Every structure is written in structure tokens, then in C-alpha cells.
């Protein structure tokens, strides 16, 4: 029987949090799912945890690869996914028991390519509601889909359910080997998909992990990857006729901080770059090299 949803979980050194994630997935009220876990070269005992859970539940498939980041892990899982829809979860996060049943039902009833739900970010001392939908809304235009998903600045791939036929039709995959791989994936998914529907009163639980790829130390390489991703997004949105606010079209090229204080930052707007001391005092301007 073809599964209704393929659940994709990239795993890298999250052995301590992985059991909670897997428990929330196997407990889903929607039983017709396949759970594809990709061990992304973990150096802790994450693979052992995955194998133990796979012995307990035949719906869990465990794949392994050399460390290639989340994009490569998700792409590997998508290459074997068989579900009518595809959902993604990070291995340090978790979901309520009716999560996929609610999203799947919403997508089917609206004949939508994407169903989206709320997202709550959890810290040790507090939670923050990023977005929560209180009613069902169906969107078909690019502007409405971007508005509903608050994109930009939010490029979350995980609080959404995607029709697999749509992903295959678009050849939609993540960029591999880099951080911020979700920026273009989500941008293209929202702009090139068909109908999108909101799923009210259900939320993905996003656990803020200081050791995650995005939250770890901002190296020059990571800053460059973030710039590349947002530069590509801006150019893509322009090609689709989307007008971005100055807040989202003015992007950071490079910055340097000490003790949480920004000493200098290079900002780019269009083809113009400006160096600002303390992110406030403009010092010089230049033109971006488009080559």
C-alpha cells in the first residue's frame, strides 16, 4: 500500500533529543506513513538510536551517508520516498500526535499542493509562537502564499506538507553541502506550486538548539553562504515579479562582532554596498561585482 505521507528526518549528532522526535512520529494518528531517517555522518550514537527504533517499528527506514548537511540528507530521502505527500522534521524537534493527519486532511480537502501549519519555537525558559493559524485559508497567488507563510523572512521547510508529485514535477531539491539550503527550496515551492492551505490550531515544535548549523558560530564561510542564499532568493523573486520590502531586499554581505556588539557590517541594496561602523555609521560605498 502506498503511504499517505513520507516523513523525512535528517539526523546529525542529536542522540539526546532524537528519541523524543521519533516517539512523536511513530505515535501519529495517521498510521499510513513511511519514516525515512538519514544518518548524516553522526559521530555520536545517533545511528544506534535509529537502528533500535527501526527494530521496533517496520515503518522506519534508516539510511546513512557521509556528512553532507541537511540538504543532501533530505535529497537522499526524497529519492526513495513513495508517499503521496512529503513532510520534514528536524531530529531535535517534535510534533503533536495528530500533526500529519491534520495536514494531510487539509491538503486533500482543498486539493492543495502544500498544507502549512503553525510553528512554535521552544527555548529552555520560554516558548515563542512564530505563527499560528486560527482558520482555514486557501491561497493560489504567489503574493498570498508568501504572505501566509511570512516569506521572507521565514523559510521554514518543516511546518509544511508537500505533494510529492509537485516536487517531482518541479525537480525541487535542496542545495547540498551548504547552510541556508532551505531559502531557495521554500521560495520555489511557494512560488511554483499550485494551491496552498492553512491548517488551523496545530503547530510544529521547533526546539532552539545552540549547536545546530544555523545557531552555531557565524564563520566567514557561513556568512558567505547566507549571503549567497539570500542574493539568489532576491534575484529569483524579481524574476517572478515579486516586489520585496527594503527590509528584505537589503541584505548583509559580511559582519564582524565582539561580545554581541557589531563593530562593522557590509550591507547590500541592489548593486550598492555600504560599510557601516556599528551597523549605523556609513563609511564607504561601492558597486557589487555581478560576475
Protein backbone atom coordinates (compact mmCIF):
# COMPACT_ATOMS: atom_id res chain seq x y z
CA UNK A 1 0.00 0.00 0.00
CA UNK A 2 1.31 3.44 -0.94
CA UNK A 3 1.92 5.51 2.20
CA UNK A 4 -0.05 8.71 2.51
CA UNK A 5 2.97 10.62 3.84
CA UNK A 6 6.72 10.11 3.64
CA UNK A 7 8.26 11.66 6.77
CA UNK A 8 11.88 12.72 6.26
CA UNK A 9 14.22 13.15 9.23
CA UNK A 10 17.88 14.15 8.68
CA UNK A 11 19.96 13.19 11.72
CA UNK A 12 23.32 14.57 12.80
CA UNK A 13 24.61 14.16 16.37
CA UNK A 14 21.25 14.54 18.09
CA UNK A 15 21.20 11.29 20.08
CA UNK A 16 19.99 13.04 23.23
CA UNK A 17 16.91 14.58 21.57
CA UNK A 18 16.27 12.00 18.85
CA UNK A 19 14.09 9.64 20.96
CA UNK A 20 11.55 12.40 21.65
CA UNK A 21 11.41 13.22 17.94
CA UNK A 22 10.92 9.59 16.92
CA UNK A 23 8.35 8.96 19.65
CA UNK A 24 6.26 11.87 18.36
CA UNK A 25 6.46 10.49 14.81
CA UNK A 26 5.62 6.84 15.45
CA UNK A 27 2.69 7.95 17.66
CA UNK A 28 0.99 9.78 14.79
CA UNK A 29 -2.73 9.13 14.44
CA UNK A 30 -2.14 8.92 10.68
CA UNK A 31 -0.73 5.40 10.54
CA UNK A 32 -0.17 5.06 6.76
CA UNK A 33 3.25 6.71 6.75
CA UNK A 34 6.83 5.79 5.97
CA UNK A 35 9.56 7.31 8.15
CA UNK A 36 12.85 7.85 6.33
CA UNK A 37 15.73 8.72 8.66
CA UNK A 38 19.08 9.70 7.17
CA UNK A 39 22.11 9.47 9.43
CA UNK A 40 24.30 12.29 8.14
CA UNK A 41 27.68 11.01 9.31
CA UNK A 42 26.91 11.34 13.02
CA UNK A 43 29.85 10.87 15.38
CA UNK A 44 27.70 10.21 18.48
CA UNK A 45 25.37 7.21 18.91
CA UNK A 46 22.55 8.63 16.77
CA UNK A 47 22.80 5.69 14.34
CA UNK A 48 22.42 3.22 17.20
CA UNK A 49 19.31 5.05 18.36
CA UNK A 50 17.87 4.94 14.85
CA UNK A 51 18.54 1.24 14.44
CA UNK A 52 16.88 0.43 17.78
CA UNK A 53 13.76 2.32 16.77
CA UNK A 54 13.74 0.69 13.32
CA UNK A 55 13.66 -2.71 15.02
CA UNK A 56 10.56 -1.59 16.95
CA UNK A 57 8.64 -0.08 14.02
CA UNK A 58 8.80 -1.50 10.50
CA UNK A 59 7.75 1.85 9.01
CA UNK A 60 11.17 3.33 9.89
CA UNK A 61 13.84 3.15 7.18
CA UNK A 62 17.41 4.08 8.12
CA UNK A 63 19.86 5.38 5.53
CA UNK A 64 23.42 6.56 6.12
CA UNK A 65 25.74 8.89 4.26
CA UNK A 66 28.97 10.74 4.90
CA UNK A 67 28.33 14.14 6.45
CA UNK A 68 26.83 16.33 3.74
CA UNK A 69 24.47 18.59 5.72
CA UNK A 70 20.69 18.59 5.82
CA UNK A 71 20.17 19.38 2.15
CA UNK A 72 21.96 16.27 0.95
CA UNK A 73 20.26 14.12 3.61
CA UNK A 74 16.79 15.32 2.65
CA UNK A 75 17.53 14.84 -1.05
CA UNK A 76 18.61 11.25 -0.42
CA UNK A 77 15.37 10.57 1.45
CA UNK A 78 13.26 12.21 -1.27
CA UNK A 79 14.94 9.99 -3.88
CA UNK A 80 13.30 6.90 -2.32
CA UNK A 81 10.12 8.46 -0.89
CA UNK A 82 6.90 6.81 -2.03
CA UNK A 83 4.25 8.80 -0.16
CA UNK A 84 1.51 10.86 -1.73
CA UNK A 85 2.87 13.76 0.33
CA UNK A 86 6.24 14.55 1.89
CA UNK A 87 6.78 16.06 5.33
CA UNK A 88 10.04 17.03 7.00
CA UNK A 89 11.12 17.09 10.64
CA UNK A 90 14.46 18.03 12.15
CA UNK A 91 15.74 15.41 14.57
CA UNK A 92 15.87 17.79 17.55
CA UNK A 93 12.22 18.85 17.08
CA UNK A 94 8.89 17.07 17.66
CA UNK A 95 5.22 17.23 16.67
CA UNK A 96 1.77 16.65 18.25
CA UNK A 97 0.16 13.25 17.66
CA UNK A 98 -2.44 14.50 15.15
CA UNK A 99 0.04 16.66 13.21
CA UNK A 100 0.21 14.72 9.94
CA UNK A 101 -3.42 13.66 9.99
CA UNK A 102 -4.47 17.30 10.25
CA UNK A 103 -2.13 18.49 7.47
CA UNK A 104 -2.95 15.56 5.18
CA UNK A 105 -6.71 16.05 5.60
CA UNK A 106 -6.40 19.79 4.95
CA UNK A 107 -4.37 19.23 1.78
CA UNK A 108 -6.78 16.61 0.43
CA UNK A 109 -9.92 18.61 1.18
CA UNK A 110 -8.51 21.73 -0.50
CA UNK A 111 -6.80 19.79 -3.32
CA UNK A 112 -3.66 21.70 -2.35
CA UNK A 113 -0.02 21.12 -3.23
CA UNK A 114 1.08 22.45 0.17
CA UNK A 115 -0.53 22.44 3.61
CA UNK A 116 1.07 24.70 6.21
CA UNK A 117 0.57 24.88 9.97
CA UNK A 118 1.79 26.95 12.90
CA UNK A 119 5.25 26.82 14.38
CA UNK A 120 6.33 27.33 17.98
CA UNK A 121 9.97 27.91 18.89
CA UNK A 122 10.95 26.41 22.21
CA UNK A 123 13.74 27.64 24.47
CA UNK A 124 14.71 26.25 27.85
CA UNK A 125 12.88 29.00 29.71
CA UNK A 126 10.16 30.13 27.30
CA UNK A 127 8.28 29.46 24.06
CA UNK A 128 7.56 31.83 21.21
CA UNK A 129 4.69 31.44 18.76
CA UNK A 130 6.16 32.24 15.34
CA UNK A 131 2.85 31.79 13.56
CA UNK A 132 -0.47 30.12 14.36
CA UNK A 133 -3.41 29.82 12.02
CA UNK A 134 -6.86 30.14 13.56
CA UNK A 135 -8.85 29.31 10.45
CA UNK A 136 -8.55 27.58 7.10
CA UNK A 137 -7.39 29.84 4.28
CA UNK A 138 -6.73 28.76 0.71
CA UNK A 139 -4.22 30.69 -1.40
CA UNK A 140 -3.44 30.38 -5.10
CA UNK A 141 -1.48 33.52 -5.98
CA UNK A 142 2.22 33.92 -5.26
CA UNK A 143 1.64 37.02 -3.16
CA UNK A 144 -0.97 35.31 -0.98
CA UNK A 145 1.18 32.21 -0.43
CA UNK A 146 4.21 34.31 0.53
CA UNK A 147 2.07 36.44 2.85
CA UNK A 148 0.53 33.45 4.59
CA UNK A 149 3.95 31.86 5.16
CA UNK A 150 5.63 35.17 6.11
CA UNK A 151 8.23 34.50 3.44
CA UNK A 152 10.61 36.27 3.53
CA UNK A 153 11.97 36.28 6.22
CA UNK A 154 10.70 32.82 7.26
CA UNK A 155 11.98 29.96 5.10
CA UNK A 156 10.89 27.03 7.27
CA UNK A 157 10.58 23.82 5.25
CA UNK A 158 9.43 21.82 8.27
CA UNK A 159 5.96 23.16 9.11
CA UNK A 160 4.65 22.21 5.68
CA UNK A 161 3.35 19.14 3.86
CA UNK A 162 4.26 18.93 0.15
CA UNK A 163 2.54 16.94 -2.58
CA UNK A 164 5.28 14.65 -3.88
CA UNK A 165 4.04 14.85 -7.48
CA UNK A 166 4.56 18.61 -7.31
CA UNK A 167 8.11 18.22 -6.00
CA UNK A 168 8.90 15.76 -8.80
CA UNK A 169 7.27 17.91 -11.47
CA UNK A 170 9.39 20.88 -10.44
CA UNK A 171 12.52 18.80 -9.84
CA UNK A 172 12.60 20.56 -6.47
CA UNK A 173 15.54 19.60 -4.30
CA UNK A 174 17.76 21.26 -1.70
CA UNK A 175 21.16 22.75 -2.46
CA UNK A 176 23.75 20.41 -1.00
CA UNK A 177 26.81 20.99 1.17
CA UNK A 178 25.84 24.46 2.39
CA UNK A 179 23.93 26.14 5.20
CA UNK A 180 20.69 28.06 4.47
CA UNK A 181 19.76 25.43 1.89
CA UNK A 182 16.08 25.95 2.75
CA UNK A 183 15.88 29.53 1.43
CA UNK A 184 15.57 28.68 -2.26
CA UNK A 185 13.71 25.41 -1.66
CA UNK A 186 10.88 27.15 0.19
CA UNK A 187 10.90 30.15 -2.16
CA UNK A 188 10.46 27.93 -5.21
CA UNK A 189 7.93 25.67 -3.51
CA UNK A 190 5.67 28.60 -2.64
CA UNK A 191 6.04 30.40 -5.96
CA UNK A 192 5.79 27.42 -8.32
CA UNK A 193 3.29 25.19 -6.53
CA UNK A 194 -0.45 25.23 -7.00
CA UNK A 195 -2.89 25.80 -4.18
CA UNK A 196 -1.77 26.23 -0.55
CA UNK A 197 -3.97 25.72 2.51
CA UNK A 198 -3.51 26.65 6.15
CA UNK A 199 -4.14 24.11 8.91
CA UNK A 200 -5.62 25.80 11.99
CA UNK A 201 -4.76 25.15 15.63
CA UNK A 202 -1.83 22.77 15.14
CA UNK A 203 1.86 23.66 15.42
CA UNK A 204 5.28 22.19 14.72
CA UNK A 205 7.53 22.33 17.79
CA UNK A 206 10.87 23.86 16.80
CA UNK A 207 13.46 23.35 19.54
CA UNK A 208 16.15 26.04 19.58
CA UNK A 209 19.41 24.11 19.69
CA UNK A 210 22.57 26.23 20.14
CA UNK A 211 24.68 23.52 18.48
CA UNK A 212 22.60 23.46 15.28
CA UNK A 213 24.06 24.53 11.95
CA UNK A 214 22.30 27.90 11.89
CA UNK A 215 22.80 28.77 15.57
CA UNK A 216 26.46 27.76 15.84
CA UNK A 217 29.33 30.23 15.39
CA UNK A 218 28.95 32.55 12.40
CA UNK A 219 32.12 31.91 10.41
CA UNK A 220 33.09 33.84 7.28
CA UNK A 221 32.11 30.79 5.22
CA UNK A 222 28.67 30.61 6.83
CA UNK A 223 28.16 34.35 6.34
CA UNK A 224 29.04 33.92 2.65
CA UNK A 225 26.60 31.02 2.30
CA UNK A 226 23.83 33.05 3.92
CA UNK A 227 24.53 35.97 1.58
CA UNK A 228 24.57 33.66 -1.47
CA UNK A 229 21.23 32.12 -0.47
CA UNK A 230 19.51 35.46 0.08
CA UNK A 231 21.04 37.00 -3.04
CA UNK A 232 19.69 34.09 -5.09
CA UNK A 233 16.28 34.45 -3.41
CA UNK A 234 16.08 38.17 -4.24
CA UNK A 235 17.04 37.59 -7.88
CA UNK A 236 14.51 34.75 -8.10
CA UNK A 237 11.70 36.81 -6.58
CA UNK A 238 12.43 39.60 -9.05
CA UNK A 239 12.17 37.09 -11.92
CA UNK A 240 8.72 36.16 -10.59
CA UNK A 241 7.60 39.78 -10.40
CA UNK A 242 7.61 39.85 -6.60
CA UNK A 243 8.43 43.21 -5.05
CA UNK A 244 10.23 42.82 -1.74
CA UNK A 245 10.29 45.44 1.01
CA UNK A 246 13.56 47.28 1.61
CA UNK A 247 13.93 45.28 4.81
CA UNK A 248 14.14 42.03 2.85
CA UNK A 249 15.96 43.30 -0.24
CA UNK A 250 18.71 44.98 1.82
CA UNK A 251 20.96 42.07 2.80
CA UNK A 252 24.10 41.60 4.86
CA UNK A 253 27.25 40.66 2.95
CA UNK A 254 29.61 40.35 5.91
CA UNK A 255 29.75 41.48 9.54
CA UNK A 256 32.09 41.33 12.50
CA UNK A 257 31.03 41.37 16.14
CA UNK A 258 32.71 41.05 19.52
CA UNK A 259 30.74 40.17 22.62
CA UNK A 260 27.48 40.60 20.79
CA UNK A 261 28.41 44.14 19.65
CA UNK A 262 28.56 44.71 15.90
CA UNK A 263 31.77 46.55 15.02
CA UNK A 264 31.13 46.75 11.30
CA UNK A 265 28.74 45.43 8.70
CA UNK A 266 28.60 45.48 4.91
CA UNK A 267 25.04 45.84 3.60
CA UNK A 268 23.90 45.42 0.01
CA UNK A 269 20.88 47.02 -1.64
CA UNK A 270 20.57 46.34 -5.35
CA UNK A 271 24.08 46.84 -6.75
CA UNK A 272 25.17 49.18 -3.97
CA UNK A 273 27.24 48.06 -0.99
CA UNK A 274 27.81 50.15 2.12
CA UNK A 275 30.22 49.58 5.00
CA UNK A 276 28.69 50.77 8.28
CA UNK A 277 30.53 51.09 11.57
CA UNK A 278 28.49 49.72 14.48
CA UNK A 279 25.79 48.99 11.87
CA UNK A 280 24.93 52.71 11.93
CA UNK A 281 27.67 54.99 10.54
CA UNK A 282 28.23 54.70 6.74
CA UNK A 283 31.92 54.82 5.86
CA UNK A 284 32.16 53.95 2.18
CA UNK A 285 30.06 52.70 -0.73
CA UNK A 286 30.86 50.59 -3.75
CA UNK A 287 29.11 48.69 -6.51
CA UNK A 288 28.56 44.94 -6.38
CA UNK A 289 30.56 42.86 -8.83
CA UNK A 290 27.96 40.81 -10.69
CA UNK A 291 30.49 38.37 -12.12
